[in-house]
Amino acid sequence: MERATIYHYLRQIMMLPYLPANHIERAFEELYQRANTDQLRSLVIYMERQWMNPPIFDIPSPPGPCLVS
C-alpha cells in the first residue's frame, strides 16, 4: 500500500465512532477485509478483540436505527 492509501485507511478507522451506531459493525467488517499488510491486520485484530468484541463484558449491537440526533 502507498503511504497516502494507508493514511486514508487509518482515517476511516478513526472515524468509526462517529458513524451511526447501527453502521459501525458493517463498516468495521469492510475495513477488516481491506487490511492487506501485517501491520494493518494486527491493528484490526486488536480493534476487534478490544473494542468490537471485548472479552470482559458483552456490548450488544443496537436493535434498530440510532435514535440520538
PDB file of N, CA and C in Angstrom:
ATOM      1  N   MET A   1       0.845  -1.187   0.000  1.00  0.00           N
ATOM      2  CA  MET A   1       0.000   0.000   0.000  1.00  0.00           C
ATOM      3  C   MET A   1       0.883   1.241   0.000  1.00  0.00           C
ATOM      4  N   GLU A   2       0.412   2.234  -0.685  1.00  0.00           N
ATOM      5  CA  GLU A   2       1.122   3.511  -0.663  1.00  0.00           C
ATOM      6  C   GLU A   2       0.821   4.243   0.639  1.00  0.00           C
ATOM      7  N   ARG A   3       1.708   5.150   0.974  1.00  0.00           N
ATOM      8  CA  ARG A   3       1.562   5.915   2.225  1.00  0.00           C
ATOM      9  C   ARG A   3       0.208   6.640   2.288  1.00  0.00           C
ATOM     10  N   ALA A   4      -0.198   7.277   1.196  1.00  0.00           N
ATOM     11  CA  ALA A   4      -1.466   8.014   1.181  1.00  0.00           C
ATOM     12  C   ALA A   4      -2.654   7.065   1.367  1.00  0.00           C
ATOM     13  N   THR A   5      -2.569   5.881   0.793  1.00  0.00           N
ATOM     14  CA  THR A   5      -3.647   4.897   0.934  1.00  0.00           C
ATOM     15  C   THR A   5      -3.763   4.433   2.380  1.00  0.00           C
ATOM     16  N   ILE A   6      -2.629   4.180   3.018  1.00  0.00           N
ATOM     17  CA  ILE A   6      -2.633   3.770   4.423  1.00  0.00           C
ATOM     18  C   ILE A   6      -3.182   4.890   5.297  1.00  0.00           C
ATOM     19  N   TYR A   7      -2.776   6.115   5.021  1.00  0.00           N
ATOM     20  CA  TYR A   7      -3.264   7.272   5.778  1.00  0.00           C
ATOM     21  C   TYR A   7      -4.795   7.361   5.667  1.00  0.00           C
ATOM     22  N   HIS A   8      -5.316   7.204   4.472  1.00  0.00           N
ATOM     23  CA  HIS A   8      -6.764   7.260   4.243  1.00  0.00           C
ATOM     24  C   HIS A   8      -7.465   6.114   4.997  1.00  0.00           C
ATOM     25  N   TYR A   9      -6.886   4.929   4.942  1.00  0.00           N
ATOM     26  CA  TYR A   9      -7.447   3.772   5.639  1.00  0.00           C
ATOM     27  C   TYR A   9      -7.512   4.027   7.150  1.00  0.00           C
ATOM     28  N   LEU A  10      -6.420   4.539   7.711  1.00  0.00           N
ATOM     29  CA  LEU A  10      -6.389   4.819   9.144  1.00  0.00           C
ATOM     30  C   LEU A  10      -7.386   5.908   9.525  1.00  0.00           C
ATOM     31  N   ARG A  11      -7.557   6.890   8.672  1.00  0.00           N
ATOM     32  CA  ARG A  11      -8.561   7.933   8.938  1.00  0.00           C
ATOM     33  C   ARG A  11      -9.963   7.320   8.970  1.00  0.00           C
ATOM     34  N   GLN A  12     -10.222   6.370   8.087  1.00  0.00           N
ATOM     35  CA  GLN A  12     -11.530   5.706   8.097  1.00  0.00           C
ATOM     36  C   GLN A  12     -11.733   4.933   9.398  1.00  0.00           C
ATOM     37  N   ILE A  13     -10.694   4.272   9.872  1.00  0.00           N
ATOM     38  CA  ILE A  13     -10.799   3.554  11.150  1.00  0.00           C
ATOM     39  C   ILE A  13     -11.082   4.538  12.283  1.00  0.00           C
ATOM     40  N   MET A  14     -10.396   5.671  12.283  1.00  0.00           N
ATOM     41  CA  MET A  14     -10.597   6.655  13.352  1.00  0.00           C
ATOM     42  C   MET A  14     -11.988   7.286  13.312  1.00  0.00           C
ATOM     43  N   MET A  15     -12.656   7.223  12.176  1.00  0.00           N
ATOM     44  CA  MET A  15     -13.991   7.813  12.048  1.00  0.00           C
ATOM     45  C   MET A  15     -15.108   6.861  12.463  1.00  0.00           C
ATOM     46  N   LEU A  16     -14.802   5.607  12.722  1.00  0.00           N
ATOM     47  CA  LEU A  16     -15.843   4.644  13.090  1.00  0.00           C
ATOM     48  C   LEU A  16     -16.727   5.113  14.243  1.00  0.00           C
ATOM     49  N   PRO A  17     -16.190   5.687  15.323  1.00  0.00           N
ATOM     50  CA  PRO A  17     -17.062   6.108  16.428  1.00  0.00           C
ATOM     51  C   PRO A  17     -18.048   7.213  16.050  1.00  0.00           C
ATOM     52  N   TYR A  18     -17.815   7.897  14.954  1.00  0.00           N
ATOM     53  CA  TYR A  18     -18.696   8.989  14.542  1.00  0.00           C
ATOM     54  C   TYR A  18     -19.825   8.535  13.622  1.00  0.00           C
ATOM     55  N   LEU A  19     -19.810   7.272  13.247  1.00  0.00           N
ATOM     56  CA  LEU A  19     -20.892   6.737  12.426  1.00  0.00           C
ATOM     57  C   LEU A  19     -22.107   6.466  13.302  1.00  0.00           C
ATOM     58  N   PRO A  20     -23.289   6.403  12.699  1.00  0.00           N
ATOM     59  CA  PRO A  20     -24.455   5.957  13.477  1.00  0.00           C
ATOM     60  C   PRO A  20     -24.168   4.551  14.025  1.00  0.00           C
ATOM     61  N   ALA A  21     -24.631   4.280  15.223  1.00  0.00           N
ATOM     62  CA  ALA A  21     -24.314   3.026  15.910  1.00  0.00           C
ATOM     63  C   ALA A  21     -24.623   1.785  15.079  1.00  0.00           C
ATOM     64  N   ASN A  22     -25.707   1.823  14.331  1.00  0.00           N
ATOM     65  CA  ASN A  22     -26.086   0.639  13.564  1.00  0.00           C
ATOM     66  C   ASN A  22     -25.253   0.463  12.292  1.00  0.00           C
ATOM     67  N   HIS A  23     -24.337   1.363  12.002  1.00  0.00           N
ATOM     68  CA  HIS A  23     -23.470   1.247  10.822  1.00  0.00           C
ATOM     69  C   HIS A  23     -22.042   0.851  11.176  1.00  0.00           C
ATOM     70  N   ILE A  24     -21.670   0.961  12.434  1.00  0.00           N
ATOM     71  CA  ILE A  24     -20.276   0.758  12.837  1.00  0.00           C
ATOM     72  C   ILE A  24     -19.799  -0.655  12.537  1.00  0.00           C
ATOM     73  N   GLU A  25     -20.579  -1.642  12.913  1.00  0.00           N
ATOM     74  CA  GLU A  25     -20.144  -3.028  12.743  1.00  0.00           C
ATOM     75  C   GLU A  25     -19.899  -3.376  11.276  1.00  0.00           C
ATOM     76  N   ARG A  26     -20.818  -2.993  10.405  1.00  0.00           N
ATOM     77  CA  ARG A  26     -20.663  -3.283   8.978  1.00  0.00           C
ATOM     78  C   ARG A  26     -19.461  -2.543   8.391  1.00  0.00           C
ATOM     79  N   ALA A  27     -19.277  -1.285   8.778  1.00  0.00           N
ATOM     80  CA  ALA A  27     -18.135  -0.512   8.280  1.00  0.00           C
ATOM     81  C   ALA A  27     -16.824  -1.131   8.764  1.00  0.00           C
ATOM     82  N   PHE A  28     -16.792  -1.593  10.018  1.00  0.00           N
ATOM     83  CA  PHE A  28     -15.591  -2.238  10.527  1.00  0.00           C
ATOM     84  C   PHE A  28     -15.298  -3.518   9.750  1.00  0.00           C
ATOM     85  N   GLU A  29     -16.330  -4.297   9.475  1.00  0.00           N
ATOM     86  CA  GLU A  29     -16.147  -5.541   8.704  1.00  0.00           C
ATOM     87  C   GLU A  29     -15.524  -5.244   7.339  1.00  0.00           C
ATOM     88  N   GLU A  30     -15.992  -4.185   6.692  1.00  0.00           N
ATOM     89  CA  GLU A  30     -15.435  -3.817   5.388  1.00  0.00           C
ATOM     90  C   GLU A  30     -13.971  -3.400   5.509  1.00  0.00           C
ATOM     91  N   LEU A  31     -13.649  -2.626   6.540  1.00  0.00           N
ATOM     92  CA  LEU A  31     -12.266  -2.227   6.758  1.00  0.00           C
ATOM     93  C   LEU A  31     -11.404  -3.436   7.116  1.00  0.00           C
ATOM     94  N   TYR A  32     -11.955  -4.346   7.887  1.00  0.00           N
ATOM     95  CA  TYR A  32     -11.245  -5.562   8.266  1.00  0.00           C
ATOM     96  C   TYR A  32     -10.838  -6.343   7.017  1.00  0.00           C
ATOM     97  N   GLN A  33     -11.768  -6.467   6.081  1.00  0.00           N
ATOM     98  CA  GLN A  33     -11.498  -7.209   4.848  1.00  0.00           C
ATOM     99  C   GLN A  33     -10.436  -6.524   3.984  1.00  0.00           C
ATOM    100  N   ARG A  34     -10.316  -5.218   4.084  1.00  0.00           N
ATOM    101  CA  ARG A  34      -9.360  -4.462   3.263  1.00  0.00           C
ATOM    102  C   ARG A  34      -7.958  -4.396   3.855  1.00  0.00           C
ATOM    103  N   ALA A  35      -7.778  -4.854   5.086  1.00  0.00           N
ATOM    104  CA  ALA A  35      -6.450  -4.827   5.721  1.00  0.00           C
ATOM    105  C   ALA A  35      -5.536  -5.795   4.966  1.00  0.00           C
ATOM    106  N   ASN A  36      -4.546  -5.256   4.264  1.00  0.00           N
ATOM    107  CA  ASN A  36      -3.727  -6.120   3.419  1.00  0.00           C
ATOM    108  C   ASN A  36      -2.233  -6.058   3.723  1.00  0.00           C
ATOM    109  N   THR A  37      -1.878  -5.555   4.891  1.00  0.00           N
ATOM    110  CA  THR A  37      -0.485  -5.627   5.340  1.00  0.00           C
ATOM    111  C   THR A  37      -0.492  -6.235   6.737  1.00  0.00           C
ATOM    112  N   ASP A  38       0.643  -6.755   7.168  1.00  0.00           N
ATOM    113  CA  ASP A  38       0.712  -7.353   8.508  1.00  0.00           C
ATOM    114  C   ASP A  38       0.374  -6.341   9.595  1.00  0.00           C
ATOM    115  N   GLN A  39       0.848  -5.100   9.427  1.00  0.00           N
ATOM    116  CA  GLN A  39       0.583  -4.075  10.436  1.00  0.00           C
ATOM    117  C   GLN A  39      -0.899  -3.726  10.508  1.00  0.00           C
ATOM    118  N   LEU A  40      -1.548  -3.594   9.353  1.00  0.00           N
ATOM    119  CA  LEU A  40      -2.978  -3.273   9.367  1.00  0.00           C
ATOM    120  C   LEU A  40      -3.788  -4.440   9.899  1.00  0.00           C
ATOM    121  N   ARG A  41      -3.416  -5.657   9.552  1.00  0.00           N
ATOM    122  CA  ARG A  41      -4.109  -6.828  10.088  1.00  0.00           C
ATOM    123  C   ARG A  41      -3.977  -6.870  11.610  1.00  0.00           C
ATOM    124  N   SER A  42      -2.785  -6.583  12.104  1.00  0.00           N
ATOM    125  CA  SER A  42      -2.589  -6.552  13.563  1.00  0.00           C
ATOM    126  C   SER A  42      -3.470  -5.489  14.211  1.00  0.00           C
ATOM    127  N   LEU A  43      -3.572  -4.337  13.577  1.00  0.00           N
ATOM    128  CA  LEU A  43      -4.404  -3.259  14.107  1.00  0.00           C
ATOM    129  C   LEU A  43      -5.869  -3.655  14.159  1.00  0.00           C
ATOM    130  N   VAL A  44      -6.407  -4.200  13.070  1.00  0.00           N
ATOM    131  CA  VAL A  44      -7.835  -4.536  13.068  1.00  0.00           C
ATOM    132  C   VAL A  44      -8.136  -5.729  13.964  1.00  0.00           C
ATOM    133  N   ILE A  45      -7.190  -6.649  14.107  1.00  0.00           N
ATOM    134  CA  ILE A  45      -7.388  -7.753  15.054  1.00  0.00           C
ATOM    135  C   ILE A  45      -7.433  -7.209  16.480  1.00  0.00           C
ATOM    136  N   TYR A  46      -6.519  -6.286  16.798  1.00  0.00           N
ATOM    137  CA  TYR A  46      -6.543  -5.639  18.117  1.00  0.00           C
ATOM    138  C   TYR A  46      -7.877  -4.929  18.334  1.00  0.00           C
ATOM    139  N   MET A  47      -8.316  -4.161  17.341  1.00  0.00           N
ATOM    140  CA  MET A  47      -9.576  -3.424  17.482  1.00  0.00           C
ATOM    141  C   MET A  47     -10.750  -4.371  17.661  1.00  0.00           C
ATOM    142  N   GLU A  48     -10.738  -5.455  16.923  1.00  0.00           N
ATOM    143  CA  GLU A  48     -11.828  -6.419  17.044  1.00  0.00           C
ATOM    144  C   GLU A  48     -11.858  -7.026  18.450  1.00  0.00           C
ATOM    145  N   ARG A  49     -10.701  -7.410  18.965  1.00  0.00           N
ATOM    146  CA  ARG A  49     -10.640  -8.040  20.293  1.00  0.00           C
ATOM    147  C   ARG A  49     -10.931  -7.068  21.422  1.00  0.00           C
ATOM    148  N   GLN A  50     -10.413  -5.855  21.327  1.00  0.00           N
ATOM    149  CA  GLN A  50     -10.520  -4.915  22.439  1.00  0.00           C
ATOM    150  C   GLN A  50     -11.738  -3.996  22.378  1.00  0.00           C
ATOM    151  N   TRP A  51     -12.185  -3.661  21.187  1.00  0.00           N
ATOM    152  CA  TRP A  51     -13.245  -2.659  21.062  1.00  0.00           C
ATOM    153  C   TRP A  51     -14.531  -3.207  20.469  1.00  0.00           C
ATOM    154  N   MET A  52     -14.451  -4.087  19.497  1.00  0.00           N
ATOM    155  CA  MET A  52     -15.664  -4.585  18.866  1.00  0.00           C
ATOM    156  C   MET A  52     -16.254  -5.778  19.633  1.00  0.00           C
ATOM    157  N   ASN A  53     -15.397  -6.660  20.119  1.00  0.00           N
ATOM    158  CA  ASN A  53     -15.832  -7.855  20.865  1.00  0.00           C
ATOM    159  C   ASN A  53     -14.990  -8.000  22.120  1.00  0.00           C
ATOM    160  N   PRO A  54     -15.158  -7.100  23.082  1.00  0.00           N
ATOM    161  CA  PRO A  54     -14.310  -7.160  24.282  1.00  0.00           C
ATOM    162  C   PRO A  54     -14.549  -8.443  25.074  1.00  0.00           C
ATOM    163  N   PRO A  55     -13.480  -9.034  25.603  1.00  0.00           N
ATOM    164  CA  PRO A  55     -13.623 -10.292  26.336  1.00  0.00           C
ATOM    165  C   PRO A  55     -14.208 -10.136  27.740  1.00  0.00           C
ATOM    166  N   ILE A  56     -14.202  -8.933  28.286  1.00  0.00           N
ATOM    167  CA  ILE A  56     -14.620  -8.737  29.676  1.00  0.00           C
ATOM    168  C   ILE A  56     -16.139  -8.632  29.818  1.00  0.00           C
ATOM    169  N   PHE A  57     -16.776  -7.923  28.925  1.00  0.00           N
ATOM    170  CA  PHE A  57     -18.220  -7.764  29.002  1.00  0.00           C
ATOM    171  C   PHE A  57     -18.796  -7.689  27.601  1.00  0.00           C
ATOM    172  N   ASP A  58     -20.066  -8.004  27.500  1.00  0.00           N
ATOM    173  CA  ASP A  58     -20.740  -8.034  26.207  1.00  0.00           C
ATOM    174  C   ASP A  58     -21.413  -6.688  25.946  1.00  0.00           C
ATOM    175  N   ILE A  59     -21.146  -6.113  24.785  1.00  0.00           N
ATOM    176  CA  ILE A  59     -21.808  -4.882  24.370  1.00  0.00           C
ATOM    177  C   ILE A  59     -22.721  -5.253  23.209  1.00  0.00           C
ATOM    178  N   PRO A  60     -24.024  -5.347  23.453  1.00  0.00           N
ATOM    179  CA  PRO A  60     -24.927  -5.747  22.381  1.00  0.00           C
ATOM    180  C   PRO A  60     -25.044  -4.666  21.311  1.00  0.00           C
ATOM    181  N   SER A  61     -25.252  -5.114  20.089  1.00  0.00           N
ATOM    182  CA  SER A  61     -25.498  -4.171  18.998  1.00  0.00           C
ATOM    183  C   SER A  61     -26.872  -3.574  19.187  1.00  0.00           C
ATOM    184  N   PRO A  62     -27.065  -2.313  18.770  1.00  0.00           N
ATOM    185  CA  PRO A  62     -28.400  -1.715  18.912  1.00  0.00           C
ATOM    186  C   PRO A  62     -29.396  -2.446  18.031  1.00  0.00           C
ATOM    187  N   PRO A  63     -30.651  -2.572  18.489  1.00  0.00           N
ATOM    188  CA  PRO A  63     -31.651  -3.311  17.745  1.00  0.00           C
ATOM    189  C   PRO A  63     -32.122  -2.629  16.476  1.00  0.00           C
ATOM    190  N   GLY A  64     -32.006  -1.336  16.384  1.00  0.00           N
ATOM    191  CA  GLY A  64     -32.527  -0.633  15.214  1.00  0.00           C
ATOM    192  C   GLY A  64     -31.739   0.631  14.961  1.00  0.00           C
ATOM    193  N   PRO A  65     -32.325   1.559  14.250  1.00  0.00           N
ATOM    194  CA  PRO A  65     -31.621   2.811  13.951  1.00  0.00           C
ATOM    195  C   PRO A  65     -31.291   3.593  15.207  1.00  0.00           C
ATOM    196  N   CYS A  66     -30.224   4.314  15.134  1.00  0.00           N
ATOM    197  CA  CYS A  66     -29.804   5.151  16.260  1.00  0.00           C
ATOM    198  C   CYS A  66     -30.841   6.273  16.462  1.00  0.00           C
ATOM    199  N   LEU A  67     -31.260   6.470  17.685  1.00  0.00           N
ATOM    200  CA  LEU A  67     -32.286   7.474  17.958  1.00  0.00           C
ATOM    201  C   LEU A  67     -31.693   8.802  18.425  1.00  0.00           C
ATOM    202  N   VAL A  68     -30.400   8.866  18.578  1.00  0.00           N
ATOM    203  CA  VAL A  68     -29.731  10.089  19.004  1.00  0.00           C
ATOM    204  C   VAL A  68     -29.568  11.014  17.812  1.00  0.00           C
ATOM    205  N   SER A  69     -29.980  12.271  17.962  1.00  0.00           N
ATOM    206  CA  SER A  69     -29.836  13.188  16.847  1.00  0.00           C
ATOM    207  C   SER A  69     -28.793  14.240  17.121  1.00  0.00           C
TER     208      SER A  69
END
